Structure formats: C-alpha cells, structure tokens
C-alpha cells in the first residue's frame, strides 16, 4: 500500500511527462504515444465559372464556402468575351465548377466536359433521394444512360400573374388557383378589347416554347434514333392551344413571344402573364410604389394533366472532367445543394430549395415583403411533369419549331404545314450536326 501511494505521489510530480507507474502491475505508456494534432488540409484554389447569372455570389455561395471549407478559395471566372467556356476549353483552362441553369445542359453536354456525379455521390455519401424524385428524373433526362451531370442549388416557381386594374376596368372576375389553359384562355378572351386608343390583351402564351413543351412532356427528337418527333398529335394540340392564347384576330403580327413580360409590367396592357414568378427576378416593389396592382395564382395546367405545372427550371452546379480537385469540388457543391442552413437562407430569399424538406419549402419568399398575404404555397404544390426524353439537338430544334409556331399564330401557315416544315428543318439540322 505504501509502495502504491508513493507511486501516485510520484505520478503527480511527473504528470507532464506522461510516465505514470501503474498500481497493481499496469503497463506503462510510452512518452511518444501522444497523438499529433490533425494536419490542416492544404490550401486549394478552385475556378468557379458563372455561365449563367448569379446575382449575389458572396451571399449565396462564398460566405458558406469560407465557413465550411476555410482552406478553399473560389476564383470566380465570368462568362464573357475571352473567357467563354469554348475559349477556356481551347486554352485547356477548364474551370472546376460551372454555375449553370439546368436547361442549358443541352449546350454543355456536347462539349464533353461534364462529369457524371454518381460515383462521387456514392463515394461521399450523397443520396439523391433527398431531392424531389421528378427533379432527379428531369436532371437524368438530359443524359443517355441515367447519368447525373448536375446538382440543383435552387428551383424556380411559375405563376399566372394578373393585372387587377384591367380586370376591374372591364368587370371581369380575377383568375383563381388550379385553372386549366382552356379556362384561362376563355377568361382572356373577355379582356381583349380596345378602350379609347389603348389595345388591351387578355392573355399571351409563355415567353419560351419550352415552357409548354416541357409541361406537355413532348420530345423534339428521339434520342435513340435521332429522328425529329414534332409532327405528333401532341405537338398539334400544343400549337393549337398556344394560338388560342392570342387574340383572334390579332391586333398586330406577333414578332416574338418574349414581348409579353414588358407588355405586362411596363406598358400594362396585358391582363395575364404565365411566366416565371416575377418575385424571382423583377423589382415588383418598385412597380407597386408606382401604383401597379397585381397578384398571381397557380400556373395553368392541361386538362388531362391536373396539378402538373412547369418542368424543372433551376440554377445549380456542373463539375468538369478536367478538374484536379473533383473530390473537394463535389463536397462543396453537395454541401451548398443540401445543407439546411444554406438552403433555408436561399429559400427565404426566393431561391427555393430542391430538397423534399417541407419545413424549408414553406419558408419560400419569407424575406420578401410582397409575398406576405399571397399564396406562394399553392405554387409549390404543383408537381413536375414527366420529363420528355432530351437530346443534344433540342436547343436547335426548339428555335426552329418556335419559328414555325409564330408563323402559325400569325396565320401565314396552317398547323399541319407548320409542323411538317418544322419537322423538315429539325431533320436537316440533325444531319448537319452529325456531319460536323
């Protein structure tokens, strides 16, 4: 007992050395067994390419990366003359991360720089099941064999906006949630009229053809056979529906579907605008201060697809095959895409999460004063359509088909001729692309 007590007294005197003698015959611990501190990761610089607009890089991206990955520096490269993605590829200066809209995958994938993220997701434990399943299906629709080339940062909501003053002027009831295109078209017909020298129009079709094409789940091209598919009965119905959205007869020829937004927000002669929710990208507060009275309801649906809204429109991330830092790049983008703190902050500002977490989704536009009292939840209640098969020819095909749609709307072509000529043009474009 005296020996053990002596040993304990000695241990107190030499504790700094870690050489404690054991009572009862315990083993000694070698002085060199104290573990070394964890070595900090080596500094890494990643090139972050903004191929589409990012309105506040510091707020939505960099502040979180600096907090979570202090050893990483993101070097922003802008999409401009001298640094287009094609020019960077030619210089063998490919960025590590590309900030891009998901529908623009059609123009990125032919460049053959996008990395399939499935192996990295498996390696780092990302389960794609955290996202809306149709969102994942939409991303996969841009690939041939189910590859995942993109992670979403946010998704965009769509709505049917309406000018209250025009409805009040002509004594027409406001639109309501869950209306079909047929019902909205009939409502618009009541508002297309002239008042003095001002021509009011009740409704115009969405700004881009792909808004209707995606909602109707119609492919432009069969990705397996590479044959154009724009003469189907579904395309005929889409053309005829789009034409019925415009006044008949037309007050003037339609030059572009893109005129609608200005006619709604600036000229204030358009009663209803089906579009990306204007709270995303338009200073509606300024318009309200100037006296603009407006509101929105759910995006119109096809009668055979109840509650099926727009296809996926999103901003997010592509990783490149040429990156030397794919692991850390994937860790960064998967963190930004799925972290609750990041996604809640963005969602409150209107960059709505793609996650299935309802506790985050219900906070959409919480920081936007104009959203208060408006039913944004109804917009998020619509489901995504089944994604149509996508091909590398879709961007060209959309432009060609859109031109024939305008000719049909303006009455210079009947529907069958417009579709047949669109089919021929898409077929020729596919042959031209394949020959290159």
Protein backbone atom coordinates (compact mmCIF):
# COMPACT_ATOMS: atom_id res chain seq x y z
CA UNK A 1 0.00 0.00 0.00
CA UNK A 2 2.87 2.35 0.87
CA UNK A 3 4.53 1.50 -2.48
CA UNK A 4 1.39 2.29 -4.43
CA UNK A 5 0.91 5.58 -2.55
CA UNK A 6 4.45 6.54 -3.32
CA UNK A 7 3.92 5.83 -6.96
CA UNK A 8 0.82 8.04 -7.05
CA UNK A 9 2.73 10.88 -5.41
CA UNK A 10 5.48 10.48 -7.97
CA UNK A 11 2.88 10.47 -10.77
CA UNK A 12 1.60 13.83 -9.60
CA UNK A 13 5.13 15.22 -9.75
CA UNK A 14 5.89 13.93 -13.26
CA UNK A 15 2.45 14.11 -14.92
CA UNK A 16 3.80 16.44 -17.58
CA UNK A 17 5.96 13.61 -18.86
CA UNK A 18 3.04 11.18 -19.12
CA UNK A 19 5.14 8.46 -17.36
CA UNK A 20 2.67 7.07 -14.86
CA UNK A 21 3.67 3.95 -12.99
CA UNK A 22 0.78 1.53 -12.61
CA UNK A 23 -0.56 0.23 -9.29
CA UNK A 24 -1.26 -3.45 -9.48
CA UNK A 25 1.16 -4.13 -12.35
CA UNK A 26 -0.47 -1.99 -15.13
CA UNK A 27 1.51 -1.35 -18.33
CA UNK A 28 3.44 1.86 -18.86
CA UNK A 29 2.53 4.28 -21.68
CA UNK A 30 5.41 5.37 -23.85
CA UNK A 31 6.13 9.10 -23.88
CA UNK A 32 5.94 9.26 -27.68
CA UNK A 33 2.36 7.94 -27.89
CA UNK A 34 0.64 11.35 -27.55
CA UNK A 35 -1.19 11.81 -30.91
CA UNK A 36 -0.10 14.60 -33.21
CA UNK A 37 -2.58 17.40 -33.95
CA UNK A 38 -4.70 16.84 -37.10
CA UNK A 39 -2.94 18.44 -40.01
CA UNK A 40 -4.95 21.18 -41.71
CA UNK A 41 -5.80 20.48 -45.38
CA UNK A 42 -3.52 22.05 -47.93
CA UNK A 43 -4.88 25.27 -49.47
CA UNK A 44 -6.84 24.71 -52.67
CA UNK A 45 -8.00 27.18 -55.32
CA UNK A 46 -10.97 26.17 -57.47
CA UNK A 47 -12.19 28.04 -60.52
CA UNK A 48 -15.91 28.82 -60.19
CA UNK A 49 -17.36 29.68 -63.60
CA UNK A 50 -20.59 31.69 -63.73
CA UNK A 51 -22.01 30.64 -67.07
CA UNK A 52 -25.43 31.96 -66.10
CA UNK A 53 -26.19 35.00 -63.93
CA UNK A 54 -25.62 34.73 -60.17
CA UNK A 55 -26.99 37.89 -58.60
CA UNK A 56 -25.15 37.68 -55.26
CA UNK A 57 -22.19 35.30 -55.28
CA UNK A 58 -20.94 36.34 -51.83
CA UNK A 59 -24.33 35.88 -50.19
CA UNK A 60 -25.37 32.59 -51.74
CA UNK A 61 -22.03 30.84 -52.33
CA UNK A 62 -18.83 32.29 -50.96
CA UNK A 63 -19.80 33.07 -47.36
CA UNK A 64 -20.78 29.45 -46.82
CA UNK A 65 -17.73 28.01 -48.56
CA UNK A 66 -15.37 30.16 -46.47
CA UNK A 67 -17.13 28.97 -43.32
CA UNK A 68 -17.24 25.27 -44.14
CA UNK A 69 -14.07 24.94 -46.23
CA UNK A 70 -11.62 27.59 -44.95
CA UNK A 71 -8.76 26.01 -46.91
CA UNK A 72 -10.59 26.55 -50.22
CA UNK A 73 -10.50 29.71 -52.32
CA UNK A 74 -13.04 30.06 -55.11
CA UNK A 75 -11.76 32.07 -58.05
CA UNK A 76 -14.74 33.46 -59.97
CA UNK A 77 -14.47 33.37 -63.77
CA UNK A 78 -17.17 35.25 -65.66
CA UNK A 79 -18.75 34.21 -68.93
CA UNK A 80 -17.66 36.98 -71.27
CA UNK A 81 -15.62 37.54 -74.40
CA UNK A 82 -12.21 36.00 -73.89
CA UNK A 83 -13.48 33.57 -71.25
CA UNK A 84 -16.42 31.77 -72.82
CA UNK A 85 -16.48 28.09 -71.97
CA UNK A 86 -15.45 27.23 -75.53
CA UNK A 87 -12.47 29.58 -75.30
CA UNK A 88 -11.43 28.16 -71.94
CA UNK A 89 -11.57 24.63 -73.34
CA UNK A 90 -9.41 25.67 -76.28
CA UNK A 91 -6.86 27.10 -73.83
CA UNK A 92 -7.02 23.95 -71.67
CA UNK A 93 -8.14 26.17 -68.79
CA UNK A 94 -11.31 24.35 -67.82
CA UNK A 95 -12.97 25.53 -64.59
CA UNK A 96 -13.61 23.14 -61.71
CA UNK A 97 -17.24 24.16 -61.05
CA UNK A 98 -19.74 25.65 -63.50
CA UNK A 99 -22.75 27.60 -62.23
CA UNK A 100 -25.45 26.95 -64.81
CA UNK A 101 -29.16 26.62 -65.50
CA UNK A 102 -30.30 23.02 -65.84
CA UNK A 103 -31.95 23.53 -69.24
CA UNK A 104 -28.58 24.74 -70.55
CA UNK A 105 -27.17 21.26 -70.08
CA UNK A 106 -28.19 20.82 -73.70
CA UNK A 107 -25.40 23.17 -74.74
CA UNK A 108 -22.82 22.00 -72.19
CA UNK A 109 -23.01 18.23 -72.69
CA UNK A 110 -21.87 18.29 -76.35
CA UNK A 111 -18.64 19.90 -75.12
CA UNK A 112 -17.89 16.62 -73.27
CA UNK A 113 -16.54 18.27 -70.14
CA UNK A 114 -19.37 17.50 -67.68
CA UNK A 115 -18.62 14.89 -65.02
CA UNK A 116 -21.13 12.16 -64.13
CA UNK A 117 -21.68 12.78 -60.41
CA UNK A 118 -22.96 9.34 -59.45
CA UNK A 119 -19.54 7.85 -58.50
CA UNK A 120 -18.67 10.93 -56.43
CA UNK A 121 -22.09 10.85 -54.75
CA UNK A 122 -21.55 7.22 -53.78
CA UNK A 123 -18.03 7.95 -52.53
CA UNK A 124 -19.11 10.91 -50.38
CA UNK A 125 -22.47 9.58 -49.23
CA UNK A 126 -24.91 11.83 -51.10
CA UNK A 127 -28.31 10.19 -51.52
CA UNK A 128 -30.18 11.67 -54.49
CA UNK A 129 -33.36 10.73 -52.63
CA UNK A 130 -33.09 13.97 -50.63
CA UNK A 131 -34.43 15.79 -53.73
CA UNK A 132 -37.88 15.67 -55.29
CA UNK A 133 -37.86 12.46 -57.35
CA UNK A 134 -39.16 14.15 -60.51
CA UNK A 135 -36.44 16.77 -60.12
CA UNK A 136 -33.85 13.98 -60.27
CA UNK A 137 -35.69 12.40 -63.21
CA UNK A 138 -35.59 15.75 -65.01
CA UNK A 139 -31.83 16.04 -64.50
CA UNK A 140 -31.32 12.47 -65.74
CA UNK A 141 -33.45 13.18 -68.81
CA UNK A 142 -30.57 15.20 -70.24
CA UNK A 143 -28.33 12.10 -70.28
CA UNK A 144 -28.35 8.92 -72.35
CA UNK A 145 -27.89 6.34 -69.61
CA UNK A 146 -29.15 7.94 -66.42
CA UNK A 147 -26.02 9.96 -65.69
CA UNK A 148 -26.36 12.83 -63.23
CA UNK A 149 -24.44 15.83 -64.57
CA UNK A 150 -25.95 18.50 -62.33
CA UNK A 151 -26.80 19.30 -58.71
CA UNK A 152 -29.51 21.93 -58.04
CA UNK A 153 -28.94 24.94 -55.82
CA UNK A 154 -32.49 26.20 -56.26
CA UNK A 155 -35.59 25.74 -58.39
CA UNK A 156 -37.85 28.37 -59.92
CA UNK A 157 -41.58 28.73 -59.33
CA UNK A 158 -44.03 29.62 -62.10
CA UNK A 159 -47.31 31.52 -61.82
CA UNK A 160 -50.15 33.13 -63.72
CA UNK A 161 -49.77 36.85 -62.99
CA UNK A 162 -52.68 39.22 -63.49
CA UNK A 163 -53.23 42.96 -63.63
CA UNK A 164 -56.07 43.80 -61.24
CA UNK A 165 -56.76 47.17 -62.84
CA UNK A 166 -57.59 45.61 -66.22
CA UNK A 167 -59.93 43.08 -64.62
CA UNK A 168 -61.58 45.83 -62.57
CA UNK A 169 -61.90 48.12 -65.59
CA UNK A 170 -63.95 45.57 -67.50
CA UNK A 171 -65.72 43.98 -64.51
CA UNK A 172 -64.24 40.52 -65.03
CA UNK A 173 -63.59 38.23 -62.01
CA UNK A 174 -59.93 37.55 -61.18
CA UNK A 175 -58.39 34.17 -62.07
CA UNK A 176 -58.22 31.53 -59.37
CA UNK A 177 -55.86 28.70 -58.45
CA UNK A 178 -55.92 25.40 -60.36
CA UNK A 179 -57.38 26.73 -63.61
CA UNK A 180 -56.74 24.89 -66.88
CA UNK A 181 -55.35 26.50 -70.01
CA UNK A 182 -58.82 26.27 -71.58
CA UNK A 183 -60.36 28.17 -68.65
CA UNK A 184 -57.66 30.84 -68.69
CA UNK A 185 -57.98 31.27 -72.45
CA UNK A 186 -61.74 31.79 -72.09
CA UNK A 187 -61.10 34.34 -69.35
CA UNK A 188 -58.55 36.15 -71.50
CA UNK A 189 -61.00 36.45 -74.37
CA UNK A 190 -63.23 38.61 -72.16
CA UNK A 191 -60.38 41.08 -71.65
CA UNK A 192 -59.09 41.50 -75.19
CA UNK A 193 -60.69 44.78 -76.21
CA UNK A 194 -59.92 48.37 -77.12
CA UNK A 195 -60.57 51.23 -74.71
CA UNK A 196 -60.13 54.57 -76.45
CA UNK A 197 -56.73 54.30 -78.13
CA UNK A 198 -55.43 51.55 -75.87
CA UNK A 199 -55.49 47.93 -77.02
CA UNK A 200 -55.73 45.53 -74.08
CA UNK A 201 -54.92 41.85 -74.48
CA UNK A 202 -56.22 39.21 -72.09
CA UNK A 203 -53.52 36.54 -72.40
CA UNK A 204 -50.40 35.65 -74.32
CA UNK A 205 -48.60 32.35 -74.38
CA UNK A 206 -45.48 31.76 -72.27
CA UNK A 207 -42.33 33.59 -73.34
CA UNK A 208 -40.49 30.45 -74.49
CA UNK A 209 -41.90 27.48 -76.36
CA UNK A 210 -40.14 25.07 -73.99
CA UNK A 211 -42.45 26.20 -71.17
CA UNK A 212 -45.38 24.46 -72.90
CA UNK A 213 -43.26 21.68 -74.41
CA UNK A 214 -41.92 20.61 -71.01
CA UNK A 215 -45.32 20.83 -69.34
CA UNK A 216 -46.84 18.63 -72.07
CA UNK A 217 -43.88 16.17 -71.86
CA UNK A 218 -43.29 16.37 -75.63
CA UNK A 219 -39.87 15.42 -77.07
CA UNK A 220 -38.38 17.28 -80.00
CA UNK A 221 -36.16 14.38 -81.04
CA UNK A 222 -35.96 10.67 -80.27
CA UNK A 223 -32.55 10.48 -78.55
CA UNK A 224 -32.07 6.82 -79.59
CA UNK A 225 -32.98 7.05 -83.28
CA UNK A 226 -32.12 10.76 -83.60
CA UNK A 227 -35.31 11.33 -85.59
CA UNK A 228 -37.40 14.50 -85.29
CA UNK A 229 -40.74 13.99 -83.49
CA UNK A 230 -42.58 17.28 -83.93
CA UNK A 231 -45.49 16.16 -86.12
CA UNK A 232 -47.22 14.10 -83.42
CA UNK A 233 -50.80 14.68 -82.32
CA UNK A 234 -49.45 16.09 -79.05
CA UNK A 235 -47.48 18.77 -80.91
CA UNK A 236 -50.54 19.64 -82.97
CA UNK A 237 -52.59 20.14 -79.80
CA UNK A 238 -49.82 22.26 -78.29
CA UNK A 239 -49.66 24.52 -81.37
CA UNK A 240 -53.42 24.96 -81.41
CA UNK A 241 -53.54 25.68 -77.67
CA UNK A 242 -50.75 28.26 -77.99
CA UNK A 243 -52.55 30.02 -80.83
CA UNK A 244 -55.80 30.21 -78.84
CA UNK A 245 -53.94 32.14 -76.15
CA UNK A 246 -53.60 35.09 -78.55
CA UNK A 247 -56.39 37.40 -79.67
CA UNK A 248 -58.26 36.40 -82.81
CA UNK A 249 -57.92 38.39 -84.97
CA UNK A 250 -54.52 39.66 -83.90
CA UNK A 251 -54.26 43.44 -83.36
CA UNK A 252 -50.80 43.24 -84.96
CA UNK A 253 -48.42 40.45 -86.06
CA UNK A 254 -46.54 38.74 -83.22
CA UNK A 255 -42.81 39.23 -83.71
CA UNK A 256 -41.64 37.42 -80.60
CA UNK A 257 -43.12 35.52 -77.69
CA UNK A 258 -40.70 37.48 -75.50
CA UNK A 259 -42.70 40.72 -75.73
CA UNK A 260 -45.22 39.56 -73.14
CA UNK A 261 -43.33 40.46 -69.96
CA UNK A 262 -42.81 44.11 -71.00
CA UNK A 263 -46.44 44.38 -72.01
CA UNK A 264 -47.44 43.22 -68.54
CA UNK A 265 -45.00 45.17 -66.34
CA UNK A 266 -44.22 48.28 -68.41
CA UNK A 267 -47.00 49.00 -70.91
CA UNK A 268 -49.56 47.41 -68.56
CA UNK A 269 -51.76 46.39 -71.48
CA UNK A 270 -51.56 42.62 -70.90
CA UNK A 271 -54.06 41.26 -68.37
CA UNK A 272 -52.48 37.84 -67.67
CA UNK A 273 -48.87 36.70 -67.93
CA UNK A 274 -47.96 33.00 -67.47
CA UNK A 275 -44.27 33.15 -66.59
CA UNK A 276 -41.55 32.51 -64.03
CA UNK A 277 -42.81 34.07 -60.80
CA UNK A 278 -41.85 37.73 -61.09
CA UNK A 279 -40.79 37.86 -57.44
CA UNK A 280 -37.73 35.90 -58.56
CA UNK A 281 -36.26 38.46 -60.90
CA UNK A 282 -38.29 41.67 -61.19
CA UNK A 283 -38.46 44.66 -58.85
CA UNK A 284 -42.16 44.36 -58.20
CA UNK A 285 -41.87 46.57 -55.09
CA UNK A 286 -40.90 49.48 -57.33
CA UNK A 287 -43.86 48.78 -59.62
CA UNK A 288 -46.21 48.64 -56.65
CA UNK A 289 -44.92 52.00 -55.38
CA UNK A 290 -45.75 53.36 -58.81
CA UNK A 291 -49.31 52.11 -58.44
CA UNK A 292 -49.24 48.76 -60.21
CA UNK A 293 -51.92 46.45 -58.75
CA UNK A 294 -51.19 42.81 -59.46
CA UNK A 295 -51.32 39.34 -57.99
CA UNK A 296 -50.76 35.73 -59.06
CA UNK A 297 -52.34 32.28 -58.94
CA UNK A 298 -51.10 28.84 -59.90
CA UNK A 299 -49.71 28.23 -63.37
CA UNK A 300 -52.42 26.95 -65.76
CA UNK A 301 -52.48 23.22 -66.45
CA UNK A 302 -53.55 20.98 -69.31
CA UNK A 303 -56.94 19.42 -68.59
CA UNK A 304 -55.57 15.90 -68.96
CA UNK A 305 -52.71 16.68 -66.53
CA UNK A 306 -54.34 18.21 -63.43
CA UNK A 307 -51.99 19.87 -60.95
CA UNK A 308 -49.00 19.27 -63.24
CA UNK A 309 -47.14 22.55 -63.52
CA UNK A 310 -43.98 23.58 -65.26
CA UNK A 311 -40.97 21.44 -65.97
CA UNK A 312 -37.80 21.89 -63.97
CA UNK A 313 -36.06 25.25 -64.23
CA UNK A 314 -33.16 25.54 -61.83
CA UNK A 315 -29.77 27.08 -61.12
CA UNK A 316 -27.00 24.83 -59.88
CA UNK A 317 -23.67 23.15 -60.44
CA UNK A 318 -21.78 21.13 -63.04
CA UNK A 319 -18.39 19.59 -62.25
CA UNK A 320 -15.86 19.10 -65.01
CA UNK A 321 -13.83 16.09 -66.04
CA UNK A 322 -10.70 18.22 -66.28
CA UNK A 323 -10.69 19.23 -62.61
CA UNK A 324 -7.77 18.04 -60.45
CA UNK A 325 -9.85 18.61 -57.33
CA UNK A 326 -13.06 16.72 -58.05
CA UNK A 327 -13.48 15.40 -54.51
CA UNK A 328 -13.34 18.77 -52.77
CA UNK A 329 -15.36 20.35 -55.58
CA UNK A 330 -18.08 17.73 -55.10
CA UNK A 331 -18.03 18.18 -51.33
CA UNK A 332 -18.58 21.92 -51.83
CA UNK A 333 -21.45 21.70 -54.31
CA UNK A 334 -23.22 18.88 -52.46
CA UNK A 335 -22.94 20.92 -49.25
CA UNK A 336 -24.39 24.02 -50.93
CA UNK A 337 -27.12 21.92 -52.53
CA UNK A 338 -28.27 20.06 -49.41
CA UNK A 339 -27.17 21.85 -46.22
CA UNK A 340 -30.29 23.02 -44.31
CA UNK A 341 -28.75 26.36 -43.26
CA UNK A 342 -27.68 27.21 -46.81
CA UNK A 343 -30.95 26.09 -48.35
CA UNK A 344 -33.16 27.81 -45.78
CA UNK A 345 -31.40 31.14 -46.28
CA UNK A 346 -31.69 30.90 -50.06
CA UNK A 347 -35.31 29.73 -49.94
CA UNK A 348 -36.34 32.66 -47.77
CA UNK A 349 -34.92 34.95 -50.44
CA UNK A 350 -36.81 33.16 -53.21
CA UNK A 351 -34.12 30.74 -54.36
CA UNK A 352 -36.36 27.80 -53.50
CA UNK A 353 -34.77 24.56 -52.38
CA UNK A 354 -34.93 21.41 -54.47
CA UNK A 355 -34.93 19.33 -51.29
CA UNK A 356 -38.05 17.50 -50.16
CA UNK A 357 -37.88 19.21 -46.74
CA UNK A 358 -41.28 20.87 -46.30
CA UNK A 359 -40.04 22.82 -43.29
CA UNK A 360 -37.68 24.64 -45.68
CA UNK A 361 -40.01 24.87 -48.67
CA UNK A 362 -42.77 26.53 -46.66
CA UNK A 363 -40.36 29.40 -45.91
CA UNK A 364 -40.19 30.36 -49.61
CA UNK A 365 -40.03 34.16 -50.04
CA UNK A 366 -40.25 34.72 -46.27
CA UNK A 367 -37.83 37.65 -46.66
CA UNK A 368 -39.88 39.23 -49.45
CA UNK A 369 -42.47 41.70 -48.17
CA UNK A 370 -44.51 41.39 -51.37
CA UNK A 371 -45.04 37.67 -50.74
CA UNK A 372 -46.89 38.30 -47.50
CA UNK A 373 -50.59 37.66 -47.93
CA UNK A 374 -50.02 35.93 -51.28
CA UNK A 375 -50.43 32.20 -51.65
CA UNK A 376 -46.94 31.13 -52.68
CA UNK A 377 -47.57 27.73 -51.09
CA UNK A 378 -50.09 26.91 -53.82
CA UNK A 379 -47.42 27.43 -56.48
CA UNK A 380 -45.13 24.93 -54.79
CA UNK A 381 -47.94 22.40 -54.52
CA UNK A 382 -47.92 21.67 -58.24
CA UNK A 383 -45.96 18.62 -59.32
CA UNK A 384 -43.32 18.43 -62.04
CA UNK A 385 -44.37 16.79 -65.33
CA UNK A 386 -42.84 13.55 -66.51
CA UNK A 387 -39.70 14.77 -68.30
CA UNK A 388 -39.63 14.22 -72.03
CA UNK A 389 -36.55 12.45 -73.41
CA UNK A 390 -33.89 15.02 -74.18
CA UNK A 391 -31.25 15.16 -76.90
CA UNK A 392 -28.25 17.28 -77.81
CA UNK A 393 -30.33 18.68 -80.70
CA UNK A 394 -33.11 20.11 -78.55
CA UNK A 395 -31.82 23.67 -78.35
CA UNK A 396 -31.66 23.98 -82.14
CA UNK A 397 -34.94 22.15 -82.52
CA UNK A 398 -36.71 24.49 -80.09
CA UNK A 399 -35.63 27.54 -82.07
CA UNK A 400 -36.76 26.03 -85.37
CA UNK A 401 -40.11 24.83 -84.03
CA UNK A 402 -40.68 28.19 -82.32
CA UNK A 403 -40.29 29.97 -85.67
CA UNK A 404 -43.00 27.82 -87.21
CA UNK A 405 -45.25 28.34 -84.20
CA UNK A 406 -45.02 32.12 -84.73
CA UNK A 407 -45.92 31.64 -88.41
CA UNK A 408 -48.96 29.58 -87.37
CA UNK A 409 -50.03 32.14 -84.75
CA UNK A 410 -49.71 34.95 -87.31
CA UNK A 411 -51.80 33.00 -89.83
CA UNK A 412 -49.18 32.58 -92.56
CA UNK A 413 -49.15 28.78 -92.16
CA UNK A 414 -51.81 26.26 -91.20
CA UNK A 415 -50.98 23.91 -88.34
CA UNK A 416 -50.18 20.85 -90.47
CA UNK A 417 -47.88 22.77 -92.78
CA UNK A 418 -46.16 24.49 -89.85
CA UNK A 419 -45.44 21.18 -88.15
CA UNK A 420 -44.33 19.48 -91.37
CA UNK A 421 -41.93 22.32 -92.17
CA UNK A 422 -40.65 22.26 -88.58
CA UNK A 423 -40.04 18.52 -88.90
CA UNK A 424 -38.05 19.03 -92.10
CA UNK A 425 -35.94 21.80 -90.58
CA UNK A 426 -35.13 19.78 -87.45
CA UNK A 427 -34.23 16.74 -89.60
CA UNK A 428 -31.85 18.86 -91.69
CA UNK A 429 -30.29 20.39 -88.55
CA UNK A 430 -29.67 16.92 -87.08
CA UNK A 431 -27.94 15.80 -90.29
CA UNK A 432 -25.86 18.98 -90.29
CA UNK A 433 -24.78 18.47 -86.66
CA UNK A 434 -23.92 14.80 -87.25
CA UNK A 435 -21.79 15.67 -90.27
CA UNK A 436 -19.74 18.01 -88.09
